[in-house]
């Protein structure tokens, strides 16, 4: 969704008086900032814009974490060992893991 990043700035009174028109403008891609003296401004944006922004932020966070992981030699070595285990068939079925954990809990006095 194309969004105008040039805010339309209204006072709280103006926003209240023009509420339905403001909603339509925001739905159309216009950001609207509501200003009240001595209070923090509030900006209205379309929901789709916010969802896209959050998605992009999550993707950037994942890229950053991947880059940081790639710099960790010990972690990369563990990943390579894990990949080799998978290639060699040294894996454990999830149902086996559940059974092992259940036995361990019973052994520690848990039910």
PDB file of N, CA and C in Angstrom:
ATOM      1  N   UNK A   1       0.846  -1.185   0.000  1.00  0.00           N
ATOM      2  CA  UNK A   1       0.000   0.000   0.000  1.00  0.00           C
ATOM      3  C   UNK A   1       0.880   1.233   0.000  1.00  0.00           C
ATOM      4  N   UNK A   2       0.629   2.126  -0.920  1.00  0.00           N
ATOM      5  CA  UNK A   2       1.360   3.384  -0.968  1.00  0.00           C
ATOM      6  C   UNK A   2       0.809   4.308   0.109  1.00  0.00           C
ATOM      7  N   UNK A   3       1.718   4.823   0.916  1.00  0.00           N
ATOM      8  CA  UNK A   3       1.309   5.694   2.015  1.00  0.00           C
ATOM      9  C   UNK A   3       2.074   6.996   1.905  1.00  0.00           C
ATOM     10  N   UNK A   4       1.367   8.087   2.063  1.00  0.00           N
ATOM     11  CA  UNK A   4       2.007   9.394   2.075  1.00  0.00           C
ATOM     12  C   UNK A   4       2.661   9.602   3.429  1.00  0.00           C
ATOM     13  N   UNK A   5       3.985   9.790   3.412  1.00  0.00           N
ATOM     14  CA  UNK A   5       4.677  10.000   4.673  1.00  0.00           C
ATOM     15  C   UNK A   5       4.714  11.469   5.070  1.00  0.00           C
ATOM     16  N   UNK A   6       4.112  12.318   4.257  1.00  0.00           N
ATOM     17  CA  UNK A   6       3.972  13.715   4.638  1.00  0.00           C
ATOM     18  C   UNK A   6       2.694  13.824   5.448  1.00  0.00           C
ATOM     19  N   UNK A   7       2.877  13.965   6.737  1.00  0.00           N
ATOM     20  CA  UNK A   7       1.726  13.991   7.635  1.00  0.00           C
ATOM     21  C   UNK A   7       0.808  15.169   7.384  1.00  0.00           C
ATOM     22  N   UNK A   8      -0.439  14.883   7.574  1.00  0.00           N
ATOM     23  CA  UNK A   8      -1.441  15.933   7.713  1.00  0.00           C
ATOM     24  C   UNK A   8      -1.546  16.097   9.225  1.00  0.00           C
ATOM     25  N   UNK A   9      -1.368  17.289   9.713  1.00  0.00           N
ATOM     26  CA  UNK A   9      -1.379  17.519  11.159  1.00  0.00           C
ATOM     27  C   UNK A   9      -2.650  18.269  11.531  1.00  0.00           C
ATOM     28  N   UNK A  10      -3.377  17.667  12.477  1.00  0.00           N
ATOM     29  CA  UNK A  10      -4.623  18.272  12.957  1.00  0.00           C
ATOM     30  C   UNK A  10      -4.573  18.377  14.473  1.00  0.00           C
ATOM     31  N   UNK A  11      -5.273  19.359  14.995  1.00  0.00           N
ATOM     32  CA  UNK A  11      -5.451  19.407  16.439  1.00  0.00           C
ATOM     33  C   UNK A  11      -6.458  18.321  16.814  1.00  0.00           C
ATOM     34  N   UNK A  12      -6.525  17.973  18.073  1.00  0.00           N
ATOM     35  CA  UNK A  12      -7.489  16.961  18.515  1.00  0.00           C
ATOM     36  C   UNK A  12      -8.915  17.420  18.220  1.00  0.00           C
ATOM     37  N   UNK A  13      -9.150  18.705  18.378  1.00  0.00           N
ATOM     38  CA  UNK A  13     -10.482  19.250  18.098  1.00  0.00           C
ATOM     39  C   UNK A  13     -10.827  19.109  16.624  1.00  0.00           C
ATOM     40  N   UNK A  14      -9.872  19.463  15.747  1.00  0.00           N
ATOM     41  CA  UNK A  14     -10.107  19.329  14.305  1.00  0.00           C
ATOM     42  C   UNK A  14     -10.332  17.852  13.929  1.00  0.00           C
ATOM     43  N   UNK A  15      -9.532  16.972  14.506  1.00  0.00           N
ATOM     44  CA  UNK A  15      -9.669  15.539  14.196  1.00  0.00           C
ATOM     45  C   UNK A  15     -11.040  15.035  14.627  1.00  0.00           C
ATOM     46  N   UNK A  16     -11.492  15.465  15.791  1.00  0.00           N
ATOM     47  CA  UNK A  16     -12.815  15.045  16.271  1.00  0.00           C
ATOM     48  C   UNK A  16     -13.915  15.569  15.350  1.00  0.00           C
ATOM     49  N   UNK A  17     -13.791  16.839  14.937  1.00  0.00           N
ATOM     50  CA  UNK A  17     -14.807  17.434  14.064  1.00  0.00           C
ATOM     51  C   UNK A  17     -14.830  16.801  12.676  1.00  0.00           C
ATOM     52  N   UNK A  18     -13.680  16.306  12.231  1.00  0.00           N
ATOM     53  CA  UNK A  18     -13.565  15.741  10.875  1.00  0.00           C
ATOM     54  C   UNK A  18     -13.335  14.225  10.912  1.00  0.00           C
ATOM     55  N   UNK A  19     -13.748  13.590  11.968  1.00  0.00           N
ATOM     56  CA  UNK A  19     -13.381  12.199  12.219  1.00  0.00           C
ATOM     57  C   UNK A  19     -13.607  11.266  11.024  1.00  0.00           C
ATOM     58  N   UNK A  20     -14.790  11.281  10.444  1.00  0.00           N
ATOM     59  CA  UNK A  20     -15.075  10.356   9.351  1.00  0.00           C
ATOM     60  C   UNK A  20     -14.283  10.691   8.091  1.00  0.00           C
ATOM     61  N   UNK A  21     -14.033  11.967   7.854  1.00  0.00           N
ATOM     62  CA  UNK A  21     -13.198  12.345   6.708  1.00  0.00           C
ATOM     63  C   UNK A  21     -11.751  11.904   6.956  1.00  0.00           C
ATOM     64  N   UNK A  22     -11.280  12.058   8.197  1.00  0.00           N
ATOM     65  CA  UNK A  22      -9.927  11.618   8.550  1.00  0.00           C
ATOM     66  C   UNK A  22      -9.790  10.110   8.331  1.00  0.00           C
ATOM     67  N   UNK A  23     -10.796   9.351   8.749  1.00  0.00           N
ATOM     68  CA  UNK A  23     -10.756   7.895   8.531  1.00  0.00           C
ATOM     69  C   UNK A  23     -10.604   7.566   7.059  1.00  0.00           C
ATOM     70  N   UNK A  24     -11.362   8.227   6.209  1.00  0.00           N
ATOM     71  CA  UNK A  24     -11.295   7.963   4.771  1.00  0.00           C
ATOM     72  C   UNK A  24      -9.929   8.343   4.205  1.00  0.00           C
ATOM     73  N   UNK A  25      -9.376   9.456   4.675  1.00  0.00           N
ATOM     74  CA  UNK A  25      -8.048   9.870   4.211  1.00  0.00           C
ATOM     75  C   UNK A  25      -6.991   8.836   4.605  1.00  0.00           C
ATOM     76  N   UNK A  26      -7.061   8.345   5.832  1.00  0.00           N
ATOM     77  CA  UNK A  26      -6.105   7.334   6.293  1.00  0.00           C
ATOM     78  C   UNK A  26      -6.284   6.051   5.485  1.00  0.00           C
ATOM     79  N   UNK A  27      -7.520   5.650   5.260  1.00  0.00           N
ATOM     80  CA  UNK A  27      -7.776   4.459   4.441  1.00  0.00           C
ATOM     81  C   UNK A  27      -7.218   4.633   3.031  1.00  0.00           C
ATOM     82  N   UNK A  28      -7.163   5.861   2.565  1.00  0.00           N
ATOM     83  CA  UNK A  28      -6.640   6.159   1.239  1.00  0.00           C
ATOM     84  C   UNK A  28      -5.123   6.289   1.191  1.00  0.00           C
ATOM     85  N   UNK A  29      -4.458   6.134   2.332  1.00  0.00           N
ATOM     86  CA  UNK A  29      -3.000   6.173   2.348  1.00  0.00           C
ATOM     87  C   UNK A  29      -2.387   7.407   2.963  1.00  0.00           C
ATOM     88  N   UNK A  30      -3.188   8.341   3.402  1.00  0.00           N
ATOM     89  CA  UNK A  30      -2.679   9.566   4.032  1.00  0.00           C
ATOM     90  C   UNK A  30      -2.421   9.296   5.512  1.00  0.00           C
ATOM     91  N   UNK A  31      -1.236   9.643   5.998  1.00  0.00           N
ATOM     92  CA  UNK A  31      -1.013   9.576   7.439  1.00  0.00           C
ATOM     93  C   UNK A  31      -1.531  10.872   8.048  1.00  0.00           C
ATOM     94  N   UNK A  32      -2.104  10.764   9.211  1.00  0.00           N
ATOM     95  CA  UNK A  32      -2.652  11.935   9.891  1.00  0.00           C
ATOM     96  C   UNK A  32      -2.115  11.946  11.316  1.00  0.00           C
ATOM     97  N   UNK A  33      -1.497  13.052  11.679  1.00  0.00           N
ATOM     98  CA  UNK A  33      -0.992  13.215  13.041  1.00  0.00           C
ATOM     99  C   UNK A  33      -1.930  14.133  13.801  1.00  0.00           C
ATOM    100  N   UNK A  34      -2.265  13.695  14.998  1.00  0.00           N
ATOM    101  CA  UNK A  34      -3.149  14.486  15.863  1.00  0.00           C
ATOM    102  C   UNK A  34      -2.279  15.080  16.970  1.00  0.00           C
ATOM    103  N   UNK A  35      -2.332  16.388  17.064  1.00  0.00           N
ATOM    104  CA  UNK A  35      -1.494  17.119  18.018  1.00  0.00           C
ATOM    105  C   UNK A  35      -2.346  17.701  19.141  1.00  0.00           C
ATOM    106  N   UNK A  36      -1.885  17.498  20.348  1.00  0.00           N
ATOM    107  CA  UNK A  36      -2.465  18.157  21.518  1.00  0.00           C
ATOM    108  C   UNK A  36      -1.314  18.788  22.286  1.00  0.00           C
ATOM    109  N   UNK A  37      -1.432  20.047  22.653  1.00  0.00           N
ATOM    110  CA  UNK A  37      -0.354  20.678  23.430  1.00  0.00           C
ATOM    111  C   UNK A  37      -0.072  19.894  24.715  1.00  0.00           C
ATOM    112  N   UNK A  38       1.195  19.772  25.034  1.00  0.00           N
ATOM    113  CA  UNK A  38       1.666  19.111  26.256  1.00  0.00           C
ATOM    114  C   UNK A  38       1.390  17.598  26.279  1.00  0.00           C
ATOM    115  N   UNK A  39       1.035  17.022  25.141  1.00  0.00           N
ATOM    116  CA  UNK A  39       0.797  15.577  25.036  1.00  0.00           C
ATOM    117  C   UNK A  39       1.597  15.064  23.850  1.00  0.00           C
ATOM    118  N   UNK A  40       1.910  13.792  23.867  1.00  0.00           N
ATOM    119  CA  UNK A  40       2.625  13.199  22.746  1.00  0.00           C
ATOM    120  C   UNK A  40       1.694  13.110  21.529  1.00  0.00           C
ATOM    121  N   UNK A  41       2.235  13.451  20.363  1.00  0.00           N
ATOM    122  CA  UNK A  41       1.435  13.354  19.136  1.00  0.00           C
ATOM    123  C   UNK A  41       1.103  11.893  18.838  1.00  0.00           C
ATOM    124  N   UNK A  42      -0.009  11.681  18.143  1.00  0.00           N
ATOM    125  CA  UNK A  42      -0.459  10.362  17.721  1.00  0.00           C
ATOM    126  C   UNK A  42      -0.619  10.400  16.210  1.00  0.00           C
ATOM    127  N   UNK A  43      -0.106   9.364  15.539  1.00  0.00           N
ATOM    128  CA  UNK A  43      -0.222   9.307  14.085  1.00  0.00           C
ATOM    129  C   UNK A  43      -1.072   8.118  13.677  1.00  0.00           C
ATOM    130  N   UNK A  44      -2.038   8.370  12.818  1.00  0.00           N
ATOM    131  CA  UNK A  44      -2.900   7.320  12.282  1.00  0.00           C
ATOM    132  C   UNK A  44      -2.336   6.881  10.939  1.00  0.00           C
ATOM    133  N   UNK A  45      -2.209   5.568  10.764  1.00  0.00           N
ATOM    134  CA  UNK A  45      -1.745   5.001   9.495  1.00  0.00           C
ATOM    135  C   UNK A  45      -2.667   3.853   9.121  1.00  0.00           C
ATOM    136  N   UNK A  46      -2.748   3.500   7.832  1.00  0.00           N
ATOM    137  CA  UNK A  46      -3.563   2.357   7.442  1.00  0.00           C
ATOM    138  C   UNK A  46      -3.026   1.062   8.062  1.00  0.00           C
ATOM    139  N   UNK A  47      -3.924   0.181   8.441  1.00  0.00           N
ATOM    140  CA  UNK A  47      -3.554  -1.097   9.062  1.00  0.00           C
ATOM    141  C   UNK A  47      -2.614  -1.902   8.163  1.00  0.00           C
ATOM    142  N   UNK A  48      -2.871  -1.927   6.855  1.00  0.00           N
ATOM    143  CA  UNK A  48      -2.024  -2.687   5.929  1.00  0.00           C
ATOM    144  C   UNK A  48      -0.593  -2.144   5.934  1.00  0.00           C
ATOM    145  N   UNK A  49      -0.443  -0.839   6.051  1.00  0.00           N
ATOM    146  CA  UNK A  49       0.879  -0.229   6.109  1.00  0.00           C
ATOM    147  C   UNK A  49       1.611  -0.678   7.367  1.00  0.00           C
ATOM    148  N   UNK A  50       0.923  -0.661   8.487  1.00  0.00           N
ATOM    149  CA  UNK A  50       1.526  -1.096   9.743  1.00  0.00           C
ATOM    150  C   UNK A  50       1.917  -2.571   9.678  1.00  0.00           C
ATOM    151  N   UNK A  51       1.046  -3.411   9.122  1.00  0.00           N
ATOM    152  CA  UNK A  51       1.343  -4.845   8.995  1.00  0.00           C
ATOM    153  C   UNK A  51       2.580  -5.053   8.134  1.00  0.00           C
ATOM    154  N   UNK A  52       2.679  -4.327   7.024  1.00  0.00           N
ATOM    155  CA  UNK A  52       3.849  -4.446   6.142  1.00  0.00           C
ATOM    156  C   UNK A  52       5.112  -3.976   6.844  1.00  0.00           C
ATOM    157  N   UNK A  53       5.012  -2.896   7.574  1.00  0.00           N
ATOM    158  CA  UNK A  53       6.152  -2.362   8.314  1.00  0.00           C
ATOM    159  C   UNK A  53       6.638  -3.369   9.353  1.00  0.00           C
ATOM    160  N   UNK A  54       5.718  -3.988  10.077  1.00  0.00           N
ATOM    161  CA  UNK A  54       6.087  -4.988  11.082  1.00  0.00           C
ATOM    162  C   UNK A  54       6.716  -6.215  10.430  1.00  0.00           C
ATOM    163  N   UNK A  55       6.191  -6.619   9.281  1.00  0.00           N
ATOM    164  CA  UNK A  55       6.751  -7.765   8.555  1.00  0.00           C
ATOM    165  C   UNK A  55       8.180  -7.464   8.112  1.00  0.00           C
ATOM    166  N   UNK A  56       8.396  -6.286   7.562  1.00  0.00           N
ATOM    167  CA  UNK A  56       9.738  -5.902   7.121  1.00  0.00           C
ATOM    168  C   UNK A  56      10.699  -5.812   8.295  1.00  0.00           C
ATOM    169  N   UNK A  57      10.224  -5.323   9.425  1.00  0.00           N
ATOM    170  CA  UNK A  57      11.068  -5.237  10.614  1.00  0.00           C
ATOM    171  C   UNK A  57      11.467  -6.631  11.086  1.00  0.00           C
ATOM    172  N   UNK A  58      10.510  -7.569  11.051  1.00  0.00           N
ATOM    173  CA  UNK A  58      10.800  -8.948  11.441  1.00  0.00           C
ATOM    174  C   UNK A  58      11.831  -9.567  10.499  1.00  0.00           C
ATOM    175  N   UNK A  59      11.686  -9.324   9.198  1.00  0.00           N
ATOM    176  CA  UNK A  59      12.638  -9.855   8.221  1.00  0.00           C
ATOM    177  C   UNK A  59      14.031  -9.274   8.444  1.00  0.00           C
ATOM    178  N   UNK A  60      14.123  -7.983   8.716  1.00  0.00           N
ATOM    179  CA  UNK A  60      15.419  -7.356   8.978  1.00  0.00           C
ATOM    180  C   UNK A  60      16.044  -7.904  10.252  1.00  0.00           C
ATOM    181  N   UNK A  61      15.221  -8.141  11.260  1.00  0.00           N
ATOM    182  CA  UNK A  61      15.721  -8.723  12.511  1.00  0.00           C
ATOM    183  C   UNK A  61      16.294 -10.113  12.260  1.00  0.00           C
ATOM    184  N   UNK A  62      15.583 -10.920  11.446  1.00  0.00           N
ATOM    185  CA  UNK A  62      16.071 -12.262  11.129  1.00  0.00           C
ATOM    186  C   UNK A  62      17.385 -12.196  10.345  1.00  0.00           C
ATOM    187  N   UNK A  63      17.498 -11.253   9.414  1.00  0.00           N
ATOM    188  CA  UNK A  63      18.739 -11.099   8.657  1.00  0.00           C
ATOM    189  C   UNK A  63      19.896 -10.698   9.566  1.00  0.00           C
ATOM    190  N   UNK A  64      19.621  -9.805  10.498  1.00  0.00           N
ATOM    191  CA  UNK A  64      20.650  -9.375  11.447  1.00  0.00           C
ATOM    192  C   UNK A  64      21.091 -10.540  12.326  1.00  0.00           C
ATOM    193  N   UNK A  65      20.121 -11.313  12.823  1.00  0.00           N
ATOM    194  CA  UNK A  65      20.453 -12.462  13.658  1.00  0.00           C
ATOM    195  C   UNK A  65      21.247 -13.495  12.867  1.00  0.00           C
ATOM    196  N   UNK A  66      20.905 -13.692  11.593  1.00  0.00           N
ATOM    197  CA  UNK A  66      21.649 -14.624  10.741  1.00  0.00           C
ATOM    198  C   UNK A  66      23.083 -14.147  10.545  1.00  0.00           C
ATOM    199  N   UNK A  67      23.240 -12.854  10.325  1.00  0.00           N
ATOM    200  CA  UNK A  67      24.582 -12.295  10.140  1.00  0.00           C
ATOM    201  C   UNK A  67      25.406 -12.446  11.416  1.00  0.00           C
ATOM    202  N   UNK A  68      24.767 -12.220  12.567  1.00  0.00           N
ATOM    203  CA  UNK A  68      25.469 -12.379  13.844  1.00  0.00           C
ATOM    204  C   UNK A  68      25.845 -13.842  14.068  1.00  0.00           C
ATOM    205  N   UNK A  69      24.947 -14.753  13.733  1.00  0.00           N
ATOM    206  CA  UNK A  69      25.207 -16.184  13.883  1.00  0.00           C
ATOM    207  C   UNK A  69      26.365 -16.608  12.992  1.00  0.00           C
ATOM    208  N   UNK A  70      26.409 -16.080  11.781  1.00  0.00           N
ATOM    209  CA  UNK A  70      27.473 -16.430  10.845  1.00  0.00           C
ATOM    210  C   UNK A  70      28.844 -16.004  11.368  1.00  0.00           C
ATOM    211  N   UNK A  71      28.873 -15.018  12.256  1.00  0.00           N
ATOM    212  CA  UNK A  71      30.135 -14.551  12.840  1.00  0.00           C
ATOM    213  C   UNK A  71      30.577 -15.393  14.042  1.00  0.00           C
ATOM    214  N   UNK A  72      29.684 -16.257  14.533  1.00  0.00           N
ATOM    215  CA  UNK A  72      29.970 -17.085  15.713  1.00  0.00           C
ATOM    216  C   UNK A  72      30.511 -18.440  15.249  1.00  0.00           C
ATOM    217  N   UNK A  73      31.835 -18.603  15.303  1.00  0.00           N
ATOM    218  CA  UNK A  73      32.483 -19.819  14.790  1.00  0.00           C
ATOM    219  C   UNK A  73      31.991 -21.070  15.508  1.00  0.00           C
ATOM    220  N   UNK A  74      31.801 -20.986  16.807  1.00  0.00           N
ATOM    221  CA  UNK A  74      31.348 -22.149  17.581  1.00  0.00           C
ATOM    222  C   UNK A  74      29.937 -22.567  17.169  1.00  0.00           C
ATOM    223  N   UNK A  75      29.049 -21.591  16.988  1.00  0.00           N
ATOM    224  CA  UNK A  75      27.682 -21.888  16.579  1.00  0.00           C
ATOM    225  C   UNK A  75      27.662 -22.477  15.171  1.00  0.00           C
ATOM    226  N   UNK A  76      28.475 -21.922  14.278  1.00  0.00           N
ATOM    227  CA  UNK A  76      28.518 -22.434  12.912  1.00  0.00           C
ATOM    228  C   UNK A  76      29.050 -23.871  12.881  1.00  0.00           C
ATOM    229  N   UNK A  77      30.026 -24.175  13.733  1.00  0.00           N
ATOM    230  CA  UNK A  77      30.555 -25.541  13.805  1.00  0.00           C
ATOM    231  C   UNK A  77      29.465 -26.495  14.296  1.00  0.00           C
ATOM    232  N   UNK A  78      28.676 -26.057  15.278  1.00  0.00           N
ATOM    233  CA  UNK A  78      27.579 -26.889  15.796  1.00  0.00           C
ATOM    234  C   UNK A  78      26.532 -27.126  14.710  1.00  0.00           C
ATOM    235  N   UNK A  79      26.246 -26.113  13.923  1.00  0.00           N
ATOM    236  CA  UNK A  79      25.282 -26.258  12.832  1.00  0.00           C
ATOM    237  C   UNK A  79      25.804 -27.258  11.805  1.00  0.00           C
ATOM    238  N   UNK A  80      27.088 -27.159  11.462  1.00  0.00           N
ATOM    239  CA  UNK A  80      27.667 -28.105  10.500  1.00  0.00           C
ATOM    240  C   UNK A  80      27.617 -29.536  11.038  1.00  0.00           C
ATOM    241  N   UNK A  81      27.896 -29.707  12.341  1.00  0.00           N
ATOM    242  CA  UNK A  81      27.807 -31.050  12.941  1.00  0.00           C
ATOM    243  C   UNK A  81      26.373 -31.570  12.885  1.00  0.00           C
ATOM    244  N   UNK A  82      25.421 -30.687  13.166  1.00  0.00           N
ATOM    245  CA  UNK A  82      24.011 -31.087  13.123  1.00  0.00           C
ATOM    246  C   UNK A  82      23.607 -31.486  11.712  1.00  0.00           C
ATOM    247  N   UNK A  83      24.043 -30.716  10.742  1.00  0.00           N
ATOM    248  CA  UNK A  83      23.725 -31.053   9.345  1.00  0.00           C
ATOM    249  C   UNK A  83      24.334 -32.391   8.953  1.00  0.00           C
ATOM    250  N   UNK A  84      25.559 -32.656   9.420  1.00  0.00           N
ATOM    251  CA  UNK A  84      26.214 -33.939   9.127  1.00  0.00           C
ATOM    252  C   UNK A  84      25.441 -35.081   9.789  1.00  0.00           C
ATOM    253  N   UNK A  85      24.962 -34.865  11.018  1.00  0.00           N
ATOM    254  CA  UNK A  85      24.151 -35.883  11.704  1.00  0.00           C
ATOM    255  C   UNK A  85      22.903 -36.199  10.898  1.00  0.00           C
ATOM    256  N   UNK A  86      22.241 -35.177  10.393  1.00  0.00           N
ATOM    257  CA  UNK A  86      21.020 -35.383   9.607  1.00  0.00           C
ATOM    258  C   UNK A  86      21.348 -36.157   8.327  1.00  0.00           C
ATOM    259  N   UNK A  87      22.421 -35.750   7.639  1.00  0.00           N
ATOM    260  CA  UNK A  87      22.823 -36.431   6.404  1.00  0.00           C
ATOM    261  C   UNK A  87      23.136 -37.908   6.657  1.00  0.00           C
ATOM    262  N   UNK A  88      23.716 -38.201   7.820  1.00  0.00           N
ATOM    263  CA  UNK A  88      24.100 -39.578   8.155  1.00  0.00           C
ATOM    264  C   UNK A  88      22.956 -40.375   8.771  1.00  0.00           C
ATOM    265  N   UNK A  89      21.824 -39.718   8.976  1.00  0.00           N
ATOM    266  CA  UNK A  89      20.684 -40.417   9.553  1.00  0.00           C
ATOM    267  C   UNK A  89      20.722 -40.515  11.071  1.00  0.00           C
ATOM    268  N   UNK A  90      21.633 -39.764  11.709  1.00  0.00           N
ATOM    269  CA  UNK A  90      21.704 -39.781  13.179  1.00  0.00           C
ATOM    270  C   UNK A  90      20.688 -38.773  13.726  1.00  0.00           C
ATOM    271  N   UNK A  91      19.441 -39.200  13.712  1.00  0.00           N
ATOM    272  CA  UNK A  91      18.353 -38.344  14.194  1.00  0.00           C
ATOM    273  C   UNK A  91      17.501 -39.127  15.178  1.00  0.00           C
ATOM    274  N   UNK A  92      16.646 -38.424  15.888  1.00  0.00           N
ATOM    275  CA  UNK A  92      15.743 -39.050  16.842  1.00  0.00           C
ATOM    276  C   UNK A  92      14.328 -38.623  16.475  1.00  0.00           C
ATOM    277  N   UNK A  93      13.434 -39.567  16.408  1.00  0.00           N
ATOM    278  CA  UNK A  93      12.039 -39.298  16.098  1.00  0.00           C
ATOM    279  C   UNK A  93      11.399 -38.537  17.256  1.00  0.00           C
ATOM    280  N   UNK A  94      10.492 -37.628  16.958  1.00  0.00           N
ATOM    281  CA  UNK A  94       9.837 -36.823  17.986  1.00  0.00           C
ATOM    282  C   UNK A  94       9.137 -37.695  19.017  1.00  0.00           C
ATOM    283  N   UNK A  95       8.489 -38.772  18.575  1.00  0.00           N
ATOM    284  CA  UNK A  95       7.806 -39.652  19.530  1.00  0.00           C
ATOM    285  C   UNK A  95       8.814 -40.283  20.494  1.00  0.00           C
ATOM    286  N   UNK A  96      10.037 -40.580  20.013  1.00  0.00           N
ATOM    287  CA  UNK A  96      11.078 -41.120  20.896  1.00  0.00           C
ATOM    288  C   UNK A  96      11.517 -40.074  21.917  1.00  0.00           C
ATOM    289  N   UNK A  97      11.639 -38.850  21.485  1.00  0.00           N
ATOM    290  CA  UNK A  97      12.032 -37.765  22.393  1.00  0.00           C
ATOM    291  C   UNK A  97      10.985 -37.617  23.495  1.00  0.00           C
ATOM    292  N   UNK A  98       9.724 -37.630  23.115  1.00  0.00           N
ATOM    293  CA  UNK A  98       8.647 -37.511  24.107  1.00  0.00           C
ATOM    294  C   UNK A  98       8.728 -38.648  25.117  1.00  0.00           C
ATOM    295  N   UNK A  99       8.945 -39.872  24.635  1.00  0.00           N
ATOM    296  CA  UNK A  99       9.026 -41.032  25.523  1.00  0.00           C
ATOM    297  C   UNK A  99      10.226 -40.904  26.474  1.00  0.00           C
ATOM    298  N   UNK A 100      11.369 -40.481  25.969  1.00  0.00           N
ATOM    299  CA  UNK A 100      12.568 -40.309  26.800  1.00  0.00           C
ATOM    300  C   UNK A 100      12.318 -39.252  27.871  1.00  0.00           C
ATOM    301  N   UNK A 101      11.736 -38.143  27.485  1.00  0.00           N
ATOM    302  CA  UNK A 101      11.468 -37.080  28.459  1.00  0.00           C
ATOM    303  C   UNK A 101      10.462 -37.521  29.517  1.00  0.00           C
ATOM    304  N   UNK A 102       9.478 -38.283  29.101  1.00  0.00           N
ATOM    305  CA  UNK A 102       8.473 -38.787  30.042  1.00  0.00           C
ATOM    306  C   UNK A 102       9.146 -39.688  31.079  1.00  0.00           C
ATOM    307  N   UNK A 103      10.036 -40.576  30.611  1.00  0.00           N
ATOM    308  CA  UNK A 103      10.766 -41.463  31.532  1.00  0.00           C
ATOM    309  C   UNK A 103      11.636 -40.659  32.488  1.00  0.00           C
ATOM    310  N   UNK A 104      12.299 -39.635  31.987  1.00  0.00           N
ATOM    311  CA  UNK A 104      13.164 -38.809  32.845  1.00  0.00           C
ATOM    312  C   UNK A 104      12.348 -38.100  33.921  1.00  0.00           C
ATOM    313  N   UNK A 105      11.173 -37.598  33.548  1.00  0.00           N
ATOM    314  CA  UNK A 105      10.329 -36.915  34.535  1.00  0.00           C
ATOM    315  C   UNK A 105       9.902 -37.883  35.623  1.00  0.00           C
ATOM    316  N   UNK A 106       9.524 -39.097  35.229  1.00  0.00           N
ATOM    317  CA  UNK A 106       9.121 -40.100  36.218  1.00  0.00           C
ATOM    318  C   UNK A 106      10.280 -40.435  37.138  1.00  0.00           C
ATOM    319  N   UNK A 107      11.467 -40.508  36.583  1.00  0.00           N
ATOM    320  CA  UNK A 107      12.667 -40.813  37.376  1.00  0.00           C
ATOM    321  C   UNK A 107      13.016 -39.723  38.366  1.00  0.00           C
ATOM    322  N   UNK A 108      12.595 -38.500  38.090  1.00  0.00           N
ATOM    323  CA  UNK A 108      12.866 -37.360  38.982  1.00  0.00           C
ATOM    324  C   UNK A 108      11.704 -37.098  39.938  1.00  0.00           C
ATOM    325  N   UNK A 109      10.759 -38.018  39.999  1.00  0.00           N
ATOM    326  CA  UNK A 109       9.645 -37.847  40.920  1.00  0.00           C
ATOM    327  C   UNK A 109       8.475 -37.072  40.367  1.00  0.00           C
ATOM    328  N   UNK A 110       8.473 -36.733  39.086  1.00  0.00           N
ATOM    329  CA  UNK A 110       7.351 -36.030  38.466  1.00  0.00           C
ATOM    330  C   UNK A 110       6.377 -37.046  37.892  1.00  0.00           C
ATOM    331  N   UNK A 111       5.159 -36.654  37.764  1.00  0.00           N
ATOM    332  CA  UNK A 111       4.159 -37.563  37.182  1.00  0.00           C
ATOM    333  C   UNK A 111       3.764 -37.110  35.825  1.00  0.00           C
TER     334      UNK A 111
END
